[in-house]
Amino acid sequence: MIGVRVDVLADAGAAAARGAEEITAAGSVAIAERGRFLLAVSGGTEPWRMFGLLDDRALDWRRTEIFQVDERVAPDGDGDRNLSHLRESLPAAALERIRPMPVTAEDLDAAAGRYAASLPEAFDLIHLGIGPDGHTASLVPGDPVLEVRDRLVALTGEYQGRRRMTLTYPVLEAARRIIWLIPGAAKREPLRRLLAGDRSIPAGRVEASRATVIADRDALPAA
């Protein structure tokens, strides 16, 4: 990836803390410059500690809007839902600022269109992760969603037992800034491929003018 900044921390806890610092800093700049902070957050397994650390950060939640990057199609309160973990992790003041993806709607395609219509022209910050198979958001290998350029929000086929709703590449590419949180030895190979700009994995197809990768030593590819 050309022009990406890579921050390598001692361990996953330190990476989460750095991620919380980056979110807070981006929020402060956005609010100072534009009066509000437009944030989109991913799910997965790593970000919950990072979101929990925001509790002690000086971020004006009243002027912050939190959108979802992706979500599993599952009932409200289901343990598979990213929203469930977001509500458990974020500070209380942030909870009313979440704009959940409407994955319980009867007509999912129409719901995706409504969510797309609610998106800003550009997010101030989008948080992304990466899976062992190189997926990011719910842009998953081999799914037609990878080729969607005419919709901002789209639905996947079944992946790991669930369909997903996800932001598409045009939204990611329009972001003012992206942070990737990528800790752990299981992410070493996908991180290597991401940094090499390997477009054969979905994460490698994200083109962003300003991006920061926050990794720990376990995730760092061998030299």
C-alpha atoms as a PDB file:
ATOM      1  CA  MET A   1       0.000   0.000   0.000  1.00  0.00           C
ATOM      2  CA  ILE A   2       1.592   3.254  -1.119  1.00  0.00           C
ATOM      3  CA  GLY A   3       1.513   6.097   1.400  1.00  0.00           C
ATOM      4  CA  VAL A   4       0.031   4.109   4.288  1.00  0.00           C
ATOM      5  CA  ARG A   5       1.373   4.721   7.781  1.00  0.00           C
ATOM      6  CA  VAL A   6       2.084   1.594   9.818  1.00  0.00           C
ATOM      7  CA  ASP A   7       2.167   1.789  13.618  1.00  0.00           C
ATOM      8  CA  VAL A   8       3.458  -1.346  15.332  1.00  0.00           C
ATOM      9  CA  LEU A   9       2.655  -1.684  19.034  1.00  0.00           C
ATOM     10  CA  ALA A  10       3.901  -4.141  21.622  1.00  0.00           C
ATOM     11  CA  ASP A  11       0.705  -6.159  21.927  1.00  0.00           C
ATOM     12  CA  ALA A  12      -3.018  -6.188  21.164  1.00  0.00           C
ATOM     13  CA  GLY A  13      -3.854  -4.067  24.205  1.00  0.00           C
ATOM     14  CA  ALA A  14      -1.447  -1.349  23.160  1.00  0.00           C
ATOM     15  CA  ALA A  15      -2.814  -1.493  19.608  1.00  0.00           C
ATOM     16  CA  ALA A  16      -6.345  -1.032  20.935  1.00  0.00           C
ATOM     17  CA  ALA A  17      -5.224   1.958  22.978  1.00  0.00           C
ATOM     18  CA  ARG A  18      -3.549   3.519  19.947  1.00  0.00           C
ATOM     19  CA  GLY A  19      -6.706   2.948  17.916  1.00  0.00           C
ATOM     20  CA  ALA A  20      -8.774   4.730  20.578  1.00  0.00           C
ATOM     21  CA  GLU A  21      -6.329   7.630  20.477  1.00  0.00           C
ATOM     22  CA  GLU A  22      -6.612   7.839  16.689  1.00  0.00           C
ATOM     23  CA  ILE A  23     -10.419   7.859  16.809  1.00  0.00           C
ATOM     24  CA  THR A  24     -10.428  10.569  19.450  1.00  0.00           C
ATOM     25  CA  ALA A  25      -7.931  12.716  17.544  1.00  0.00           C
ATOM     26  CA  ALA A  26      -9.854  12.364  14.292  1.00  0.00           C
ATOM     27  CA  GLY A  27     -13.064  13.269  16.076  1.00  0.00           C
ATOM     28  CA  SER A  28     -11.577  16.375  17.639  1.00  0.00           C
ATOM     29  CA  VAL A  29     -10.293  17.578  14.257  1.00  0.00           C
ATOM     30  CA  ALA A  30     -13.593  16.878  12.478  1.00  0.00           C
ATOM     31  CA  ILE A  31     -15.648  18.679  15.115  1.00  0.00           C
ATOM     32  CA  ALA A  32     -13.300  21.658  15.140  1.00  0.00           C
ATOM     33  CA  GLU A  33     -13.298  21.917  11.336  1.00  0.00           C
ATOM     34  CA  ARG A  34     -16.819  20.832  10.363  1.00  0.00           C
ATOM     35  CA  GLY A  35     -18.871  20.808  13.549  1.00  0.00           C
ATOM     36  CA  ARG A  36     -19.479  17.058  13.694  1.00  0.00           C
ATOM     37  CA  PHE A  37     -17.668  13.718  13.579  1.00  0.00           C
ATOM     38  CA  LEU A  38     -18.883  11.095  11.116  1.00  0.00           C
ATOM     39  CA  LEU A  39     -17.490   7.692  12.082  1.00  0.00           C
ATOM     40  CA  ALA A  40     -18.079   4.223  10.606  1.00  0.00           C
ATOM     41  CA  VAL A  41     -17.020   1.169  12.571  1.00  0.00           C
ATOM     42  CA  SER A  42     -16.506  -2.485  11.680  1.00  0.00           C
ATOM     43  CA  GLY A  43     -17.117  -5.584  13.737  1.00  0.00           C
ATOM     44  CA  GLY A  44     -15.063  -8.755  13.881  1.00  0.00           C
ATOM     45  CA  THR A  45     -13.188  -9.965  16.932  1.00  0.00           C
ATOM     46  CA  GLU A  46     -10.610  -7.262  17.697  1.00  0.00           C
ATOM     47  CA  PRO A  47     -12.220  -3.805  17.985  1.00  0.00           C
ATOM     48  CA  TRP A  48     -14.326  -4.155  21.141  1.00  0.00           C
ATOM     49  CA  ARG A  49     -11.422  -3.419  23.489  1.00  0.00           C
ATOM     50  CA  MET A  50     -10.610  -0.332  21.415  1.00  0.00           C
ATOM     51  CA  PHE A  51     -14.180   0.944  21.617  1.00  0.00           C
ATOM     52  CA  GLY A  52     -14.255   0.281  25.355  1.00  0.00           C
ATOM     53  CA  LEU A  53     -11.193   2.466  25.832  1.00  0.00           C
ATOM     54  CA  LEU A  54     -13.063   5.404  24.328  1.00  0.00           C
ATOM     55  CA  ASP A  55     -14.886   5.703  27.649  1.00  0.00           C
ATOM     56  CA  ASP A  56     -11.999   7.718  29.082  1.00  0.00           C
ATOM     57  CA  ARG A  57     -11.368   9.821  25.980  1.00  0.00           C
ATOM     58  CA  ALA A  58     -12.391  13.408  25.453  1.00  0.00           C
ATOM     59  CA  LEU A  59     -14.773  13.019  22.527  1.00  0.00           C
ATOM     60  CA  ASP A  60     -17.949  15.062  22.125  1.00  0.00           C
ATOM     61  CA  TRP A  61     -20.513  12.321  21.520  1.00  0.00           C
ATOM     62  CA  ARG A  62     -23.317  14.848  21.075  1.00  0.00           C
ATOM     63  CA  ARG A  63     -21.700  15.893  17.794  1.00  0.00           C
ATOM     64  CA  THR A  64     -20.705  12.386  16.734  1.00  0.00           C
ATOM     65  CA  GLU A  65     -22.624   9.989  14.484  1.00  0.00           C
ATOM     66  CA  ILE A  66     -21.642   6.319  14.456  1.00  0.00           C
ATOM     67  CA  PHE A  67     -22.535   4.215  11.427  1.00  0.00           C
ATOM     68  CA  GLN A  68     -21.917   0.523  10.872  1.00  0.00           C
ATOM     69  CA  VAL A  69     -19.513  -0.643   8.184  1.00  0.00           C
ATOM     70  CA  ASP A  70     -21.185  -4.044   8.080  1.00  0.00           C
ATOM     71  CA  GLU A  71     -23.617  -6.270   9.930  1.00  0.00           C
ATOM     72  CA  ARG A  72     -24.820  -9.847   9.925  1.00  0.00           C
ATOM     73  CA  VAL A  73     -28.427 -10.513   9.035  1.00  0.00           C
ATOM     74  CA  ALA A  74     -29.620 -11.771  12.415  1.00  0.00           C
ATOM     75  CA  PRO A  75     -32.260 -10.827  15.007  1.00  0.00           C
ATOM     76  CA  ASP A  76     -31.822  -7.923  17.399  1.00  0.00           C
ATOM     77  CA  GLY A  77     -29.777  -8.953  20.416  1.00  0.00           C
ATOM     78  CA  ASP A  78     -28.243 -11.949  18.655  1.00  0.00           C
ATOM     79  CA  GLY A  79     -24.648 -12.647  19.674  1.00  0.00           C
ATOM     80  CA  ASP A  80     -23.645 -12.669  16.007  1.00  0.00           C
ATOM     81  CA  ARG A  81     -24.654  -9.032  15.602  1.00  0.00           C
ATOM     82  CA  ASN A  82     -21.891  -6.444  15.606  1.00  0.00           C
ATOM     83  CA  LEU A  83     -24.461  -4.081  17.088  1.00  0.00           C
ATOM     84  CA  SER A  84     -24.751  -6.240  20.213  1.00  0.00           C
ATOM     85  CA  HIS A  85     -21.009  -5.945  20.846  1.00  0.00           C
ATOM     86  CA  LEU A  86     -20.991  -2.230  20.013  1.00  0.00           C
ATOM     87  CA  ARG A  87     -23.643  -1.591  22.626  1.00  0.00           C
ATOM     88  CA  GLU A  88     -21.636  -3.550  25.180  1.00  0.00           C
ATOM     89  CA  SER A  89     -18.346  -1.815  24.348  1.00  0.00           C
ATOM     90  CA  LEU A  90     -19.068   1.844  23.680  1.00  0.00           C
ATOM     91  CA  PRO A  91     -19.506   4.332  26.525  1.00  0.00           C
ATOM     92  CA  ALA A  92     -23.080   5.087  27.540  1.00  0.00           C
ATOM     93  CA  ALA A  93     -22.964   8.568  26.029  1.00  0.00           C
ATOM     94  CA  ALA A  94     -22.232   7.082  22.613  1.00  0.00           C
ATOM     95  CA  LEU A  95     -25.067   4.575  22.469  1.00  0.00           C
ATOM     96  CA  GLU A  96     -27.738   6.979  21.246  1.00  0.00           C
ATOM     97  CA  ARG A  97     -25.384   8.111  18.484  1.00  0.00           C
ATOM     98  CA  ILE A  98     -25.323   4.685  16.765  1.00  0.00           C
ATOM     99  CA  ARG A  99     -27.147   4.332  13.451  1.00  0.00           C
ATOM    100  CA  PRO A 100     -27.681   0.565  13.138  1.00  0.00           C
ATOM    101  CA  MET A 101     -27.842  -1.191   9.799  1.00  0.00           C
ATOM    102  CA  PRO A 102     -31.461  -2.338   9.256  1.00  0.00           C
ATOM    103  CA  VAL A 103     -30.763  -6.052   8.923  1.00  0.00           C
ATOM    104  CA  THR A 104     -34.062  -7.154  10.481  1.00  0.00           C
ATOM    105  CA  ALA A 105     -36.160  -5.523   7.755  1.00  0.00           C
ATOM    106  CA  GLU A 106     -38.413  -7.759   5.695  1.00  0.00           C
ATOM    107  CA  ASP A 107     -37.156  -6.253   2.432  1.00  0.00           C
ATOM    108  CA  LEU A 108     -33.383  -6.167   2.874  1.00  0.00           C
ATOM    109  CA  ASP A 109     -32.638  -4.631  -0.510  1.00  0.00           C
ATOM    110  CA  ALA A 110     -34.952  -1.702   0.186  1.00  0.00           C
ATOM    111  CA  ALA A 111     -33.498  -1.363   3.677  1.00  0.00           C
ATOM    112  CA  ALA A 112     -29.981  -1.248   2.241  1.00  0.00           C
ATOM    113  CA  GLY A 113     -31.101   1.543  -0.059  1.00  0.00           C
ATOM    114  CA  ARG A 114     -32.525   3.516   2.858  1.00  0.00           C
ATOM    115  CA  TYR A 115     -29.309   3.130   4.829  1.00  0.00           C
ATOM    116  CA  ALA A 116     -27.306   4.244   1.800  1.00  0.00           C
ATOM    117  CA  ALA A 117     -29.463   7.371   1.552  1.00  0.00           C
ATOM    118  CA  SER A 118     -28.596   8.238   5.162  1.00  0.00           C
ATOM    119  CA  LEU A 119     -24.826   8.103   4.622  1.00  0.00           C
ATOM    120  CA  PRO A 120     -22.736  11.265   4.497  1.00  0.00           C
ATOM    121  CA  GLU A 121     -20.908  12.259   1.346  1.00  0.00           C
ATOM    122  CA  ALA A 122     -17.669  11.325   3.073  1.00  0.00           C
ATOM    123  CA  PHE A 123     -16.899   9.820   6.470  1.00  0.00           C
ATOM    124  CA  ASP A 124     -14.319  11.561   8.599  1.00  0.00           C
ATOM    125  CA  LEU A 125     -12.989   8.179   9.692  1.00  0.00           C
ATOM    126  CA  ILE A 126     -13.730   4.569   8.805  1.00  0.00           C
ATOM    127  CA  HIS A 127     -12.392   1.772  10.984  1.00  0.00           C
ATOM    128  CA  LEU A 128     -11.622  -1.495   9.203  1.00  0.00           C
ATOM    129  CA  GLY A 129     -10.229  -4.879  10.154  1.00  0.00           C
ATOM    130  CA  ILE A 130      -9.088  -7.828   8.084  1.00  0.00           C
ATOM    131  CA  GLY A 131      -9.991 -11.506   8.221  1.00  0.00           C
ATOM    132  CA  PRO A 132      -7.597 -14.430   7.797  1.00  0.00           C
ATOM    133  CA  ASP A 133      -9.013 -14.837   4.276  1.00  0.00           C
ATOM    134  CA  GLY A 134      -8.314 -11.184   3.450  1.00  0.00           C
ATOM    135  CA  HIS A 135     -11.877  -9.906   3.714  1.00  0.00           C
ATOM    136  CA  THR A 136     -12.625  -6.489   5.121  1.00  0.00           C
ATOM    137  CA  ALA A 137     -15.992  -5.044   6.090  1.00  0.00           C
ATOM    138  CA  SER A 138     -18.203  -7.806   4.629  1.00  0.00           C
ATOM    139  CA  LEU A 139     -16.470  -7.590   1.279  1.00  0.00           C
ATOM    140  CA  VAL A 140     -15.731 -11.281   1.160  1.00  0.00           C
ATOM    141  CA  PRO A 141     -13.758 -13.422  -1.297  1.00  0.00           C
ATOM    142  CA  GLY A 142     -15.689 -14.654  -4.310  1.00  0.00           C
ATOM    143  CA  ASP A 143     -18.905 -12.746  -3.567  1.00  0.00           C
ATOM    144  CA  PRO A 144     -20.533 -10.548  -6.252  1.00  0.00           C
ATOM    145  CA  VAL A 145     -20.553  -7.713  -3.691  1.00  0.00           C
ATOM    146  CA  LEU A 146     -16.903  -7.111  -4.588  1.00  0.00           C
ATOM    147  CA  GLU A 147     -17.944  -5.746  -7.982  1.00  0.00           C
ATOM    148  CA  VAL A 148     -20.697  -3.426  -6.725  1.00  0.00           C
ATOM    149  CA  ARG A 149     -19.907   0.168  -7.666  1.00  0.00           C
ATOM    150  CA  ASP A 150     -23.403   1.554  -8.246  1.00  0.00           C
ATOM    151  CA  ARG A 151     -24.670   1.112  -4.668  1.00  0.00           C
ATOM    152  CA  LEU A 152     -23.204   2.390  -1.407  1.00  0.00           C
ATOM    153  CA  VAL A 153     -24.692  -0.424   0.674  1.00  0.00           C
ATOM    154  CA  ALA A 154     -25.117  -3.976  -0.581  1.00  0.00           C
ATOM    155  CA  LEU A 155     -25.965  -7.484   0.595  1.00  0.00           C
ATOM    156  CA  THR A 156     -23.728 -10.517   0.392  1.00  0.00           C
ATOM    157  CA  GLY A 157     -24.610 -14.129  -0.115  1.00  0.00           C
ATOM    158  CA  GLU A 158     -24.228 -16.470   2.841  1.00  0.00           C
ATOM    159  CA  TYR A 159     -20.779 -16.224   4.432  1.00  0.00           C
ATOM    160  CA  GLN A 160     -19.832 -18.138   7.562  1.00  0.00           C
ATOM    161  CA  GLY A 161     -23.473 -19.002   8.107  1.00  0.00           C
ATOM    162  CA  ARG A 162     -24.988 -15.532   7.653  1.00  0.00           C
ATOM    163  CA  ARG A 163     -25.804 -13.050   4.918  1.00  0.00           C
ATOM    164  CA  ARG A 164     -24.287  -9.629   5.531  1.00  0.00           C
ATOM    165  CA  MET A 165     -25.072  -5.991   4.818  1.00  0.00           C
ATOM    166  CA  THR A 166     -21.980  -3.949   4.022  1.00  0.00           C
ATOM    167  CA  LEU A 167     -20.673  -0.632   2.831  1.00  0.00           C
ATOM    168  CA  THR A 168     -19.115  -0.973  -0.613  1.00  0.00           C
ATOM    169  CA  TYR A 169     -15.771   0.174  -1.987  1.00  0.00           C
ATOM    170  CA  PRO A 170     -16.963   3.613  -3.158  1.00  0.00           C
ATOM    171  CA  VAL A 171     -17.854   4.547   0.439  1.00  0.00           C
ATOM    172  CA  LEU A 172     -14.528   3.317   1.793  1.00  0.00           C
ATOM    173  CA  GLU A 173     -12.597   5.147  -0.895  1.00  0.00           C
ATOM    174  CA  ALA A 174     -14.394   8.442  -0.200  1.00  0.00           C
ATOM    175  CA  ALA A 175     -13.392   8.471   3.475  1.00  0.00           C
ATOM    176  CA  ARG A 176     -11.209  11.310   4.662  1.00  0.00           C
ATOM    177  CA  ARG A 177      -9.235   8.750   6.623  1.00  0.00           C
ATOM    178  CA  ILE A 178      -9.149   5.001   7.319  1.00  0.00           C
ATOM    179  CA  ILE A 179      -7.634   3.164  10.267  1.00  0.00           C
ATOM    180  CA  TRP A 180      -6.994  -0.558  10.105  1.00  0.00           C
ATOM    181  CA  LEU A 181      -6.783  -2.365  13.459  1.00  0.00           C
ATOM    182  CA  ILE A 182      -4.905  -5.618  12.810  1.00  0.00           C
ATOM    183  CA  PRO A 183      -3.471  -7.407  15.872  1.00  0.00           C
ATOM    184  CA  GLY A 184      -2.519 -11.037  16.351  1.00  0.00           C
ATOM    185  CA  ALA A 185      -0.432 -13.736  14.691  1.00  0.00           C
ATOM    186  CA  ALA A 186      -3.457 -15.023  12.771  1.00  0.00           C
ATOM    187  CA  LYS A 187      -3.427 -11.778  10.798  1.00  0.00           C
ATOM    188  CA  ARG A 188       0.251 -11.933   9.799  1.00  0.00           C
ATOM    189  CA  GLU A 189      -0.292 -13.275   6.279  1.00  0.00           C
ATOM    190  CA  PRO A 190      -3.324 -11.120   5.394  1.00  0.00           C
ATOM    191  CA  LEU A 191      -1.480  -8.071   6.749  1.00  0.00           C
ATOM    192  CA  ARG A 192       1.519  -8.910   4.586  1.00  0.00           C
ATOM    193  CA  ARG A 193      -0.725  -9.128   1.541  1.00  0.00           C
ATOM    194  CA  LEU A 194      -2.534  -5.899   2.442  1.00  0.00           C
ATOM    195  CA  LEU A 195       0.713  -3.957   2.773  1.00  0.00           C
ATOM    196  CA  ALA A 196       1.908  -5.422  -0.524  1.00  0.00           C
ATOM    197  CA  GLY A 197      -1.189  -4.076  -2.257  1.00  0.00           C
ATOM    198  CA  ASP A 198      -2.356  -7.579  -3.182  1.00  0.00           C
ATOM    199  CA  ARG A 199      -5.637  -6.967  -5.003  1.00  0.00           C
ATOM    200  CA  SER A 200      -6.459 -10.673  -5.029  1.00  0.00           C
ATOM    201  CA  ILE A 201      -7.785 -10.226  -1.487  1.00  0.00           C
ATOM    202  CA  PRO A 202     -10.752  -7.909  -0.844  1.00  0.00           C
ATOM    203  CA  ALA A 203      -8.830  -5.765   1.652  1.00  0.00           C
ATOM    204  CA  GLY A 204      -6.128  -5.152  -0.930  1.00  0.00           C
ATOM    205  CA  ARG A 205      -8.656  -3.470  -3.214  1.00  0.00           C
ATOM    206  CA  VAL A 206      -9.403  -0.647  -0.776  1.00  0.00           C
ATOM    207  CA  GLU A 207      -7.903   2.538  -2.178  1.00  0.00           C
ATOM    208  CA  ALA A 208      -7.638   5.340   0.355  1.00  0.00           C
ATOM    209  CA  SER A 209      -5.667   8.555   0.193  1.00  0.00           C
ATOM    210  CA  ARG A 210      -5.016   8.531   3.958  1.00  0.00           C
ATOM    211  CA  ALA A 211      -4.762   5.271   5.866  1.00  0.00           C
ATOM    212  CA  THR A 212      -3.086   4.083   9.046  1.00  0.00           C
ATOM    213  CA  VAL A 213      -2.475   0.430   9.902  1.00  0.00           C
ATOM    214  CA  ILE A 214      -2.329  -0.235  13.643  1.00  0.00           C
ATOM    215  CA  ALA A 215      -0.795  -3.647  14.292  1.00  0.00           C
ATOM    216  CA  ASP A 216       0.990  -5.430  17.088  1.00  0.00           C
ATOM    217  CA  ARG A 217       4.296  -7.287  16.905  1.00  0.00           C
ATOM    218  CA  ASP A 218       2.574 -10.656  16.525  1.00  0.00           C
ATOM    219  CA  ALA A 219       0.849  -9.485  13.336  1.00  0.00           C
ATOM    220  CA  LEU A 220       3.967  -7.946  11.797  1.00  0.00           C
ATOM    221  CA  PRO A 221       5.096  -9.923   8.734  1.00  0.00           C
ATOM    222  CA  ALA A 222       8.588 -11.308   8.797  1.00  0.00           C
ATOM    223  CA  ALA A 223      11.166  -9.143   7.056  1.00  0.00           C
END
